[in-house]
PDB file of N, CA and C in Angstrom:
ATOM      1  N   UNK A   1       0.852  -1.168   0.000  1.00  0.00           N
ATOM      2  CA  UNK A   1       0.000   0.000   0.000  1.00  0.00           C
ATOM      3  C   UNK A   1       0.896   1.227   0.000  1.00  0.00           C
ATOM      4  N   UNK A   2       0.501   2.215  -0.745  1.00  0.00           N
ATOM      5  CA  UNK A   2       1.243   3.472  -0.815  1.00  0.00           C
ATOM      6  C   UNK A   2       0.278   4.619  -0.580  1.00  0.00           C
ATOM      7  N   UNK A   3       0.648   5.504   0.303  1.00  0.00           N
ATOM      8  CA  UNK A   3      -0.088   6.735   0.514  1.00  0.00           C
ATOM      9  C   UNK A   3       0.812   7.851   0.019  1.00  0.00           C
ATOM     10  N   UNK A   4       0.356   8.595  -0.966  1.00  0.00           N
ATOM     11  CA  UNK A   4       1.164   9.656  -1.565  1.00  0.00           C
ATOM     12  C   UNK A   4       1.062  10.895  -0.679  1.00  0.00           C
ATOM     13  N   UNK A   5       2.164  11.201  -0.010  1.00  0.00           N
ATOM     14  CA  UNK A   5       2.208  12.360   0.879  1.00  0.00           C
ATOM     15  C   UNK A   5       2.489  13.648   0.111  1.00  0.00           C
ATOM     16  N   UNK A   6       3.347  13.551  -0.891  1.00  0.00           N
ATOM     17  CA  UNK A   6       3.680  14.701  -1.742  1.00  0.00           C
ATOM     18  C   UNK A   6       4.058  14.181  -3.113  1.00  0.00           C
ATOM     19  N   UNK A   7       3.622  14.882  -4.132  1.00  0.00           N
ATOM     20  CA  UNK A   7       4.111  14.576  -5.461  1.00  0.00           C
ATOM     21  C   UNK A   7       3.090  14.015  -6.419  1.00  0.00           C
ATOM     22  N   UNK A   8       3.617  13.609  -7.546  1.00  0.00           N
ATOM     23  CA  UNK A   8       2.851  13.139  -8.682  1.00  0.00           C
ATOM     24  C   UNK A   8       3.517  11.842  -9.149  1.00  0.00           C
ATOM     25  N   UNK A   9       2.822  10.733  -9.026  1.00  0.00           N
ATOM     26  CA  UNK A   9       3.382   9.413  -9.297  1.00  0.00           C
ATOM     27  C   UNK A   9       2.612   8.718 -10.410  1.00  0.00           C
ATOM     28  N   UNK A  10       3.273   7.766 -10.998  1.00  0.00           N
ATOM     29  CA  UNK A  10       2.655   6.860 -11.957  1.00  0.00           C
ATOM     30  C   UNK A  10       2.853   5.455 -11.398  1.00  0.00           C
ATOM     31  N   UNK A  11       1.774   4.697 -11.270  1.00  0.00           N
ATOM     32  CA  UNK A  11       1.833   3.318 -10.784  1.00  0.00           C
ATOM     33  C   UNK A  11       1.368   2.393 -11.896  1.00  0.00           C
ATOM     34  N   UNK A  12       2.113   1.342 -12.117  1.00  0.00           N
ATOM     35  CA  UNK A  12       1.704   0.298 -13.067  1.00  0.00           C
ATOM     36  C   UNK A  12       1.422  -0.954 -12.257  1.00  0.00           C
ATOM     37  N   UNK A  13       0.216  -1.521 -12.452  1.00  0.00           N
ATOM     38  CA  UNK A  13      -0.194  -2.749 -11.784  1.00  0.00           C
ATOM     39  C   UNK A  13      -0.650  -3.708 -12.860  1.00  0.00           C
ATOM     40  N   UNK A  14       0.120  -4.773 -13.049  1.00  0.00           N
ATOM     41  CA  UNK A  14      -0.069  -5.671 -14.188  1.00  0.00           C
ATOM     42  C   UNK A  14      -0.045  -4.823 -15.454  1.00  0.00           C
ATOM     43  N   UNK A  15      -1.138  -4.762 -16.210  1.00  0.00           N
ATOM     44  CA  UNK A  15      -1.148  -4.022 -17.478  1.00  0.00           C
ATOM     45  C   UNK A  15      -1.835  -2.663 -17.385  1.00  0.00           C
ATOM     46  N   UNK A  16      -2.199  -2.233 -16.182  1.00  0.00           N
ATOM     47  CA  UNK A  16      -2.883  -0.958 -16.012  1.00  0.00           C
ATOM     48  C   UNK A  16      -1.942   0.079 -15.411  1.00  0.00           C
ATOM     49  N   UNK A  17      -2.020   1.305 -15.924  1.00  0.00           N
ATOM     50  CA  UNK A  17      -1.217   2.402 -15.387  1.00  0.00           C
ATOM     51  C   UNK A  17      -2.163   3.453 -14.818  1.00  0.00           C
ATOM     52  N   UNK A  18      -1.836   3.941 -13.623  1.00  0.00           N
ATOM     53  CA  UNK A  18      -2.671   4.926 -12.943  1.00  0.00           C
ATOM     54  C   UNK A  18      -1.813   6.102 -12.505  1.00  0.00           C
ATOM     55  N   UNK A  19      -2.358   7.298 -12.573  1.00  0.00           N
ATOM     56  CA  UNK A  19      -1.701   8.498 -12.051  1.00  0.00           C
ATOM     57  C   UNK A  19      -2.154   8.663 -10.612  1.00  0.00           C
ATOM     58  N   UNK A  20      -1.232   8.852  -9.702  1.00  0.00           N
ATOM     59  CA  UNK A  20      -1.551   8.954  -8.282  1.00  0.00           C
ATOM     60  C   UNK A  20      -0.883  10.207  -7.733  1.00  0.00           C
ATOM     61  N   UNK A  21      -1.696  11.129  -7.237  1.00  0.00           N
ATOM     62  CA  UNK A  21      -1.182  12.426  -6.780  1.00  0.00           C
ATOM     63  C   UNK A  21      -1.317  12.580  -5.267  1.00  0.00           C
ATOM     64  N   UNK A  22      -0.786  13.666  -4.756  1.00  0.00           N
ATOM     65  CA  UNK A  22      -0.803  13.957  -3.320  1.00  0.00           C
ATOM     66  C   UNK A  22      -2.179  13.684  -2.720  1.00  0.00           C
ATOM     67  N   UNK A  23      -2.179  12.957  -1.602  1.00  0.00           N
ATOM     68  CA  UNK A  23      -3.421  12.625  -0.907  1.00  0.00           C
ATOM     69  C   UNK A  23      -4.067  11.341  -1.377  1.00  0.00           C
ATOM     70  N   UNK A  24      -3.544  10.758  -2.442  1.00  0.00           N
ATOM     71  CA  UNK A  24      -4.122   9.518  -2.986  1.00  0.00           C
ATOM     72  C   UNK A  24      -3.522   8.293  -2.306  1.00  0.00           C
ATOM     73  N   UNK A  25      -4.207   7.184  -2.484  1.00  0.00           N
ATOM     74  CA  UNK A  25      -3.818   5.910  -1.896  1.00  0.00           C
ATOM     75  C   UNK A  25      -3.798   4.874  -3.010  1.00  0.00           C
ATOM     76  N   UNK A  26      -2.736   4.080  -3.057  1.00  0.00           N
ATOM     77  CA  UNK A  26      -2.636   3.012  -4.060  1.00  0.00           C
ATOM     78  C   UNK A  26      -2.499   1.675  -3.326  1.00  0.00           C
ATOM     79  N   UNK A  27      -3.286   0.709  -3.733  1.00  0.00           N
ATOM     80  CA  UNK A  27      -3.230  -0.624  -3.143  1.00  0.00           C
ATOM     81  C   UNK A  27      -2.911  -1.626  -4.241  1.00  0.00           C
ATOM     82  N   UNK A  28      -1.925  -2.446  -4.000  1.00  0.00           N
ATOM     83  CA  UNK A  28      -1.556  -3.510  -4.933  1.00  0.00           C
ATOM     84  C   UNK A  28      -1.628  -4.835  -4.177  1.00  0.00           C
ATOM     85  N   UNK A  29      -2.533  -5.729  -4.552  1.00  0.00           N
ATOM     86  CA  UNK A  29      -2.621  -7.023  -3.868  1.00  0.00           C
ATOM     87  C   UNK A  29      -1.340  -7.847  -4.041  1.00  0.00           C
ATOM     88  N   UNK A  30      -1.095  -8.695  -3.093  1.00  0.00           N
ATOM     89  CA  UNK A  30       0.064  -9.580  -3.138  1.00  0.00           C
ATOM     90  C   UNK A  30       0.071 -10.360  -4.445  1.00  0.00           C
ATOM     91  N   UNK A  31       1.249 -10.465  -5.042  1.00  0.00           N
ATOM     92  CA  UNK A  31       1.415 -11.238  -6.260  1.00  0.00           C
ATOM     93  C   UNK A  31       1.181 -10.466  -7.546  1.00  0.00           C
ATOM     94  N   UNK A  32       0.699  -9.230  -7.453  1.00  0.00           N
ATOM     95  CA  UNK A  32       0.460  -8.425  -8.646  1.00  0.00           C
ATOM     96  C   UNK A  32       1.762  -7.729  -9.037  1.00  0.00           C
ATOM     97  N   UNK A  33       2.165  -7.901 -10.284  1.00  0.00           N
ATOM     98  CA  UNK A  33       3.364  -7.231 -10.781  1.00  0.00           C
ATOM     99  C   UNK A  33       3.113  -5.735 -10.766  1.00  0.00           C
ATOM    100  N   UNK A  34       4.069  -4.981 -10.215  1.00  0.00           N
ATOM    101  CA  UNK A  34       3.863  -3.547 -10.102  1.00  0.00           C
ATOM    102  C   UNK A  34       5.181  -2.786 -10.170  1.00  0.00           C
ATOM    103  N   UNK A  35       5.060  -1.518 -10.505  1.00  0.00           N
ATOM    104  CA  UNK A  35       6.195  -0.590 -10.483  1.00  0.00           C
ATOM    105  C   UNK A  35       5.626   0.807 -10.319  1.00  0.00           C
ATOM    106  N   UNK A  36       6.479   1.729  -9.930  1.00  0.00           N
ATOM    107  CA  UNK A  36       6.010   3.097  -9.738  1.00  0.00           C
ATOM    108  C   UNK A  36       7.134   4.064 -10.013  1.00  0.00           C
ATOM    109  N   UNK A  37       6.752   5.309 -10.296  1.00  0.00           N
ATOM    110  CA  UNK A  37       7.729   6.322 -10.709  1.00  0.00           C
ATOM    111  C   UNK A  37       7.232   7.703 -10.299  1.00  0.00           C
ATOM    112  N   UNK A  38       8.129   8.519  -9.769  1.00  0.00           N
ATOM    113  CA  UNK A  38       7.838   9.925  -9.512  1.00  0.00           C
ATOM    114  C   UNK A  38       7.897  10.631 -10.863  1.00  0.00           C
ATOM    115  N   UNK A  39       6.776  11.185 -11.308  1.00  0.00           N
ATOM    116  CA  UNK A  39       6.746  11.874 -12.598  1.00  0.00           C
ATOM    117  C   UNK A  39       6.598  13.386 -12.443  1.00  0.00           C
ATOM    118  N   UNK A  40       6.640  13.853 -11.199  1.00  0.00           N
ATOM    119  CA  UNK A  40       6.545  15.282 -10.945  1.00  0.00           C
ATOM    120  C   UNK A  40       7.870  15.985 -11.194  1.00  0.00           C
ATOM    121  N   UNK A  41       7.840  17.296 -11.106  1.00  0.00           N
ATOM    122  CA  UNK A  41       9.032  18.106 -11.334  1.00  0.00           C
ATOM    123  C   UNK A  41       9.860  18.292 -10.075  1.00  0.00           C
ATOM    124  N   UNK A  42       9.379  17.794  -8.936  1.00  0.00           N
ATOM    125  CA  UNK A  42      10.112  17.958  -7.678  1.00  0.00           C
ATOM    126  C   UNK A  42      10.151  16.638  -6.926  1.00  0.00           C
ATOM    127  N   UNK A  43      10.889  16.644  -5.839  1.00  0.00           N
ATOM    128  CA  UNK A  43      10.967  15.446  -5.004  1.00  0.00           C
ATOM    129  C   UNK A  43       9.571  15.091  -4.495  1.00  0.00           C
ATOM    130  N   UNK A  44       9.347  13.828  -4.246  1.00  0.00           N
ATOM    131  CA  UNK A  44       8.047  13.353  -3.784  1.00  0.00           C
ATOM    132  C   UNK A  44       8.247  12.452  -2.574  1.00  0.00           C
ATOM    133  N   UNK A  45       7.175  12.271  -1.814  1.00  0.00           N
ATOM    134  CA  UNK A  45       7.243  11.400  -0.639  1.00  0.00           C
ATOM    135  C   UNK A  45       6.041  10.470  -0.620  1.00  0.00           C
ATOM    136  N   UNK A  46       6.303   9.215  -0.273  1.00  0.00           N
ATOM    137  CA  UNK A  46       5.232   8.242  -0.123  1.00  0.00           C
ATOM    138  C   UNK A  46       5.414   7.507   1.198  1.00  0.00           C
ATOM    139  N   UNK A  47       4.323   7.076   1.765  1.00  0.00           N
ATOM    140  CA  UNK A  47       4.338   6.220   2.934  1.00  0.00           C
ATOM    141  C   UNK A  47       3.983   4.827   2.436  1.00  0.00           C
ATOM    142  N   UNK A  48       4.875   3.874   2.662  1.00  0.00           N
ATOM    143  CA  UNK A  48       4.694   2.515   2.165  1.00  0.00           C
ATOM    144  C   UNK A  48       4.368   1.603   3.341  1.00  0.00           C
ATOM    145  N   UNK A  49       3.340   0.766   3.170  1.00  0.00           N
ATOM    146  CA  UNK A  49       2.930  -0.161   4.219  1.00  0.00           C
ATOM    147  C   UNK A  49       2.832  -1.573   3.634  1.00  0.00           C
ATOM    148  N   UNK A  50       3.292  -2.546   4.397  1.00  0.00           N
ATOM    149  CA  UNK A  50       3.229  -3.940   3.971  1.00  0.00           C
ATOM    150  C   UNK A  50       2.542  -4.772   5.032  1.00  0.00           C
ATOM    151  N   UNK A  51       1.769  -5.743   4.579  1.00  0.00           N
ATOM    152  CA  UNK A  51       1.229  -6.732   5.486  1.00  0.00           C
ATOM    153  C   UNK A  51       1.198  -8.065   4.756  1.00  0.00           C
ATOM    154  N   UNK A  52       1.770  -9.106   5.296  1.00  0.00           N
ATOM    155  CA  UNK A  52       2.460  -9.106   6.578  1.00  0.00           C
ATOM    156  C   UNK A  52       3.783  -8.341   6.487  1.00  0.00           C
ATOM    157  N   UNK A  53       4.372  -8.104   7.624  1.00  0.00           N
ATOM    158  CA  UNK A  53       5.621  -7.339   7.673  1.00  0.00           C
ATOM    159  C   UNK A  53       6.779  -8.154   7.105  1.00  0.00           C
ATOM    160  N   UNK A  54       7.905  -7.505   6.928  1.00  0.00           N
ATOM    161  CA  UNK A  54       9.104  -8.203   6.479  1.00  0.00           C
ATOM    162  C   UNK A  54       9.791  -7.540   5.307  1.00  0.00           C
ATOM    163  N   UNK A  55       9.052  -6.802   4.480  1.00  0.00           N
ATOM    164  CA  UNK A  55       9.674  -6.179   3.316  1.00  0.00           C
ATOM    165  C   UNK A  55      10.647  -5.071   3.687  1.00  0.00           C
ATOM    166  N   UNK A  56      10.607  -4.609   4.933  1.00  0.00           N
ATOM    167  CA  UNK A  56      11.548  -3.579   5.361  1.00  0.00           C
ATOM    168  C   UNK A  56      12.990  -4.054   5.177  1.00  0.00           C
ATOM    169  N   UNK A  57      13.211  -5.362   5.301  1.00  0.00           N
ATOM    170  CA  UNK A  57      14.570  -5.908   5.096  1.00  0.00           C
ATOM    171  C   UNK A  57      15.049  -5.659   3.666  1.00  0.00           C
ATOM    172  N   UNK A  58      14.144  -5.778   2.700  1.00  0.00           N
ATOM    173  CA  UNK A  58      14.505  -5.518   1.315  1.00  0.00           C
ATOM    174  C   UNK A  58      15.035  -4.096   1.165  1.00  0.00           C
ATOM    175  N   UNK A  59      14.318  -3.123   1.712  1.00  0.00           N
ATOM    176  CA  UNK A  59      14.721  -1.728   1.560  1.00  0.00           C
ATOM    177  C   UNK A  59      16.016  -1.424   2.314  1.00  0.00           C
ATOM    178  N   UNK A  60      16.190  -2.022   3.476  1.00  0.00           N
ATOM    179  CA  UNK A  60      17.439  -1.826   4.225  1.00  0.00           C
ATOM    180  C   UNK A  60      18.625  -2.356   3.423  1.00  0.00           C
ATOM    181  N   UNK A  61      18.486  -3.533   2.845  1.00  0.00           N
ATOM    182  CA  UNK A  61      19.575  -4.133   2.075  1.00  0.00           C
ATOM    183  C   UNK A  61      19.797  -3.397   0.762  1.00  0.00           C
ATOM    184  N   UNK A  62      18.721  -2.966   0.127  1.00  0.00           N
ATOM    185  CA  UNK A  62      18.842  -2.216  -1.121  1.00  0.00           C
ATOM    186  C   UNK A  62      19.571  -0.898  -0.882  1.00  0.00           C
ATOM    187  N   UNK A  63      19.307  -0.246   0.234  1.00  0.00           N
ATOM    188  CA  UNK A  63      19.942   1.042   0.545  1.00  0.00           C
ATOM    189  C   UNK A  63      21.465   0.904   0.630  1.00  0.00           C
ATOM    190  N   UNK A  64      21.945  -0.258   0.992  1.00  0.00           N
ATOM    191  CA  UNK A  64      23.387  -0.491   1.079  1.00  0.00           C
ATOM    192  C   UNK A  64      24.046  -0.495  -0.300  1.00  0.00           C
ATOM    193  N   UNK A  65      23.274  -0.681  -1.368  1.00  0.00           N
ATOM    194  CA  UNK A  65      23.824  -0.683  -2.729  1.00  0.00           C
ATOM    195  C   UNK A  65      24.172   0.711  -3.212  1.00  0.00           C
ATOM    196  N   UNK A  66      23.566   1.732  -2.625  1.00  0.00           N
ATOM    197  CA  UNK A  66      23.780   3.097  -3.089  1.00  0.00           C
ATOM    198  C   UNK A  66      22.754   3.469  -4.135  1.00  0.00           C
ATOM    199  N   UNK A  67      22.780   4.717  -4.592  1.00  0.00           N
ATOM    200  CA  UNK A  67      21.759   5.191  -5.536  1.00  0.00           C
ATOM    201  C   UNK A  67      21.898   4.559  -6.921  1.00  0.00           C
ATOM    202  N   UNK A  68      20.788   4.538  -7.647  1.00  0.00           N
ATOM    203  CA  UNK A  68      20.801   4.036  -9.022  1.00  0.00           C
ATOM    204  C   UNK A  68      20.730   2.527  -9.093  1.00  0.00           C
ATOM    205  N   UNK A  69      20.872   2.019 -10.303  1.00  0.00           N
ATOM    206  CA  UNK A  69      20.834   0.564 -10.529  1.00  0.00           C
ATOM    207  C   UNK A  69      22.190   0.102 -11.030  1.00  0.00           C
ATOM    208  N   UNK A  70      23.251   0.496 -10.330  1.00  0.00           N
ATOM    209  CA  UNK A  70      24.604   0.165 -10.742  1.00  0.00           C
ATOM    210  C   UNK A  70      24.919  -1.320 -10.755  1.00  0.00           C
ATOM    211  N   UNK A  71      24.241  -2.111  -9.940  1.00  0.00           N
ATOM    212  CA  UNK A  71      24.506  -3.544  -9.860  1.00  0.00           C
ATOM    213  C   UNK A  71      23.179  -4.311  -9.884  1.00  0.00           C
ATOM    214  N   UNK A  72      22.592  -4.489 -11.077  1.00  0.00           N
ATOM    215  CA  UNK A  72      21.288  -5.160 -11.167  1.00  0.00           C
ATOM    216  C   UNK A  72      21.288  -6.575 -10.586  1.00  0.00           C
ATOM    217  N   UNK A  73      22.389  -7.291 -10.709  1.00  0.00           N
ATOM    218  CA  UNK A  73      22.442  -8.657 -10.162  1.00  0.00           C
ATOM    219  C   UNK A  73      22.336  -8.640  -8.642  1.00  0.00           C
ATOM    220  N   UNK A  74      23.005  -7.693  -8.001  1.00  0.00           N
ATOM    221  CA  UNK A  74      22.919  -7.577  -6.541  1.00  0.00           C
ATOM    222  C   UNK A  74      21.503  -7.198  -6.128  1.00  0.00           C
ATOM    223  N   UNK A  75      20.895  -6.287  -6.875  1.00  0.00           N
ATOM    224  CA  UNK A  75      19.517  -5.871  -6.592  1.00  0.00           C
ATOM    225  C   UNK A  75      18.573  -7.072  -6.678  1.00  0.00           C
ATOM    226  N   UNK A  76      18.709  -7.862  -7.727  1.00  0.00           N
ATOM    227  CA  UNK A  76      17.848  -9.038  -7.895  1.00  0.00           C
ATOM    228  C   UNK A  76      18.086 -10.074  -6.807  1.00  0.00           C
ATOM    229  N   UNK A  77      19.331 -10.241  -6.380  1.00  0.00           N
ATOM    230  CA  UNK A  77      19.636 -11.187  -5.298  1.00  0.00           C
ATOM    231  C   UNK A  77      18.969 -10.738  -3.996  1.00  0.00           C
ATOM    232  N   UNK A  78      19.023  -9.447  -3.710  1.00  0.00           N
ATOM    233  CA  UNK A  78      18.362  -8.927  -2.512  1.00  0.00           C
ATOM    234  C   UNK A  78      16.857  -9.149  -2.615  1.00  0.00           C
ATOM    235  N   UNK A  79      16.287  -8.887  -3.786  1.00  0.00           N
ATOM    236  CA  UNK A  79      14.851  -9.105  -3.981  1.00  0.00           C
ATOM    237  C   UNK A  79      14.488 -10.565  -3.712  1.00  0.00           C
ATOM    238  N   UNK A  80      15.227 -11.494  -4.291  1.00  0.00           N
ATOM    239  CA  UNK A  80      14.936 -12.917  -4.106  1.00  0.00           C
ATOM    240  C   UNK A  80      15.057 -13.336  -2.649  1.00  0.00           C
ATOM    241  N   UNK A  81      16.031 -12.777  -1.945  1.00  0.00           N
ATOM    242  CA  UNK A  81      16.219 -13.103  -0.528  1.00  0.00           C
ATOM    243  C   UNK A  81      15.084 -12.567   0.338  1.00  0.00           C
ATOM    244  N   UNK A  82      14.261 -11.690  -0.229  1.00  0.00           N
ATOM    245  CA  UNK A  82      13.163 -11.080   0.523  1.00  0.00           C
ATOM    246  C   UNK A  82      11.811 -11.357  -0.128  1.00  0.00           C
ATOM    247  N   UNK A  83      11.684 -12.499  -0.796  1.00  0.00           N
ATOM    248  CA  UNK A  83      10.417 -12.993  -1.343  1.00  0.00           C
ATOM    249  C   UNK A  83       9.852 -12.106  -2.438  1.00  0.00           C
ATOM    250  N   UNK A  84      10.730 -11.485  -3.209  1.00  0.00           N
ATOM    251  CA  UNK A  84      10.280 -10.616  -4.287  1.00  0.00           C
ATOM    252  C   UNK A  84      10.971 -11.051  -5.574  1.00  0.00           C
ATOM    253  N   UNK A  85      10.307 -10.855  -6.703  1.00  0.00           N
ATOM    254  CA  UNK A  85      10.886 -11.205  -7.989  1.00  0.00           C
ATOM    255  C   UNK A  85      10.910  -9.970  -8.878  1.00  0.00           C
ATOM    256  N   UNK A  86      12.062  -9.645  -9.432  1.00  0.00           N
ATOM    257  CA  UNK A  86      12.199  -8.524 -10.358  1.00  0.00           C
ATOM    258  C   UNK A  86      11.816  -9.034 -11.739  1.00  0.00           C
ATOM    259  N   UNK A  87      10.843  -8.365 -12.380  1.00  0.00           N
ATOM    260  CA  UNK A  87      10.321  -8.857 -13.658  1.00  0.00           C
ATOM    261  C   UNK A  87      10.692  -7.992 -14.841  1.00  0.00           C
ATOM    262  N   UNK A  88      11.368  -6.896 -14.609  1.00  0.00           N
ATOM    263  CA  UNK A  88      11.722  -6.046 -15.744  1.00  0.00           C
ATOM    264  C   UNK A  88      12.424  -4.784 -15.286  1.00  0.00           C
ATOM    265  N   UNK A  89      12.703  -3.926 -16.234  1.00  0.00           N
ATOM    266  CA  UNK A  89      13.382  -2.666 -15.895  1.00  0.00           C
ATOM    267  C   UNK A  89      12.427  -1.723 -15.150  1.00  0.00           C
ATOM    268  N   UNK A  90      12.970  -0.671 -14.542  1.00  0.00           N
ATOM    269  CA  UNK A  90      12.123   0.324 -13.878  1.00  0.00           C
ATOM    270  C   UNK A  90      11.101   0.911 -14.853  1.00  0.00           C
ATOM    271  N   UNK A  91      10.003   1.397 -14.322  1.00  0.00           N
ATOM    272  CA  UNK A  91       8.927   1.938 -15.145  1.00  0.00           C
ATOM    273  C   UNK A  91       9.411   3.048 -16.070  1.00  0.00           C
ATOM    274  N   UNK A  92      10.318   3.885 -15.597  1.00  0.00           N
ATOM    275  CA  UNK A  92      10.831   4.986 -16.421  1.00  0.00           C
ATOM    276  C   UNK A  92      11.538   4.476 -17.671  1.00  0.00           C
ATOM    277  N   UNK A  93      12.112   3.265 -17.601  1.00  0.00           N
ATOM    278  CA  UNK A  93      12.781   2.677 -18.759  1.00  0.00           C
ATOM    279  C   UNK A  93      11.810   1.826 -19.583  1.00  0.00           C
ATOM    280  N   UNK A  94      10.931   1.093 -18.917  1.00  0.00           N
ATOM    281  CA  UNK A  94      10.020   0.184 -19.606  1.00  0.00           C
ATOM    282  C   UNK A  94       8.906   0.923 -20.346  1.00  0.00           C
ATOM    283  N   UNK A  95       8.492   2.072 -19.815  1.00  0.00           N
ATOM    284  CA  UNK A  95       7.382   2.807 -20.401  1.00  0.00           C
ATOM    285  C   UNK A  95       7.625   4.309 -20.242  1.00  0.00           C
ATOM    286  N   UNK A  96       8.648   4.847 -20.913  1.00  0.00           N
ATOM    287  CA  UNK A  96       8.959   6.277 -20.750  1.00  0.00           C
ATOM    288  C   UNK A  96       7.856   7.149 -21.341  1.00  0.00           C
ATOM    289  N   UNK A  97       7.509   8.191 -20.624  1.00  0.00           N
ATOM    290  CA  UNK A  97       6.478   9.137 -21.111  1.00  0.00           C
ATOM    291  C   UNK A  97       6.898  10.529 -20.790  1.00  0.00           C
TER     292      UNK A  97
END
């Protein structure tokens, strides 16, 4: 679940793309392929919630890689270790607009 605190986002859930702006809420059921992108002109903030818990480990480990996607293999290994599967490039690359 994502609550958009600030900004203008694009969320892709399976084959559907939705624009999600400040004050909006996005819910993606477990197992649904998804990606998201800040499409605004400024920094944005989201509140991310998971149930059941545990995905926080993914973000902690990903943060150790540093910014960007400099090591896609390491990113995918972290995802797999945290019950997640990477299915493609980031939304900005897969569907640039």
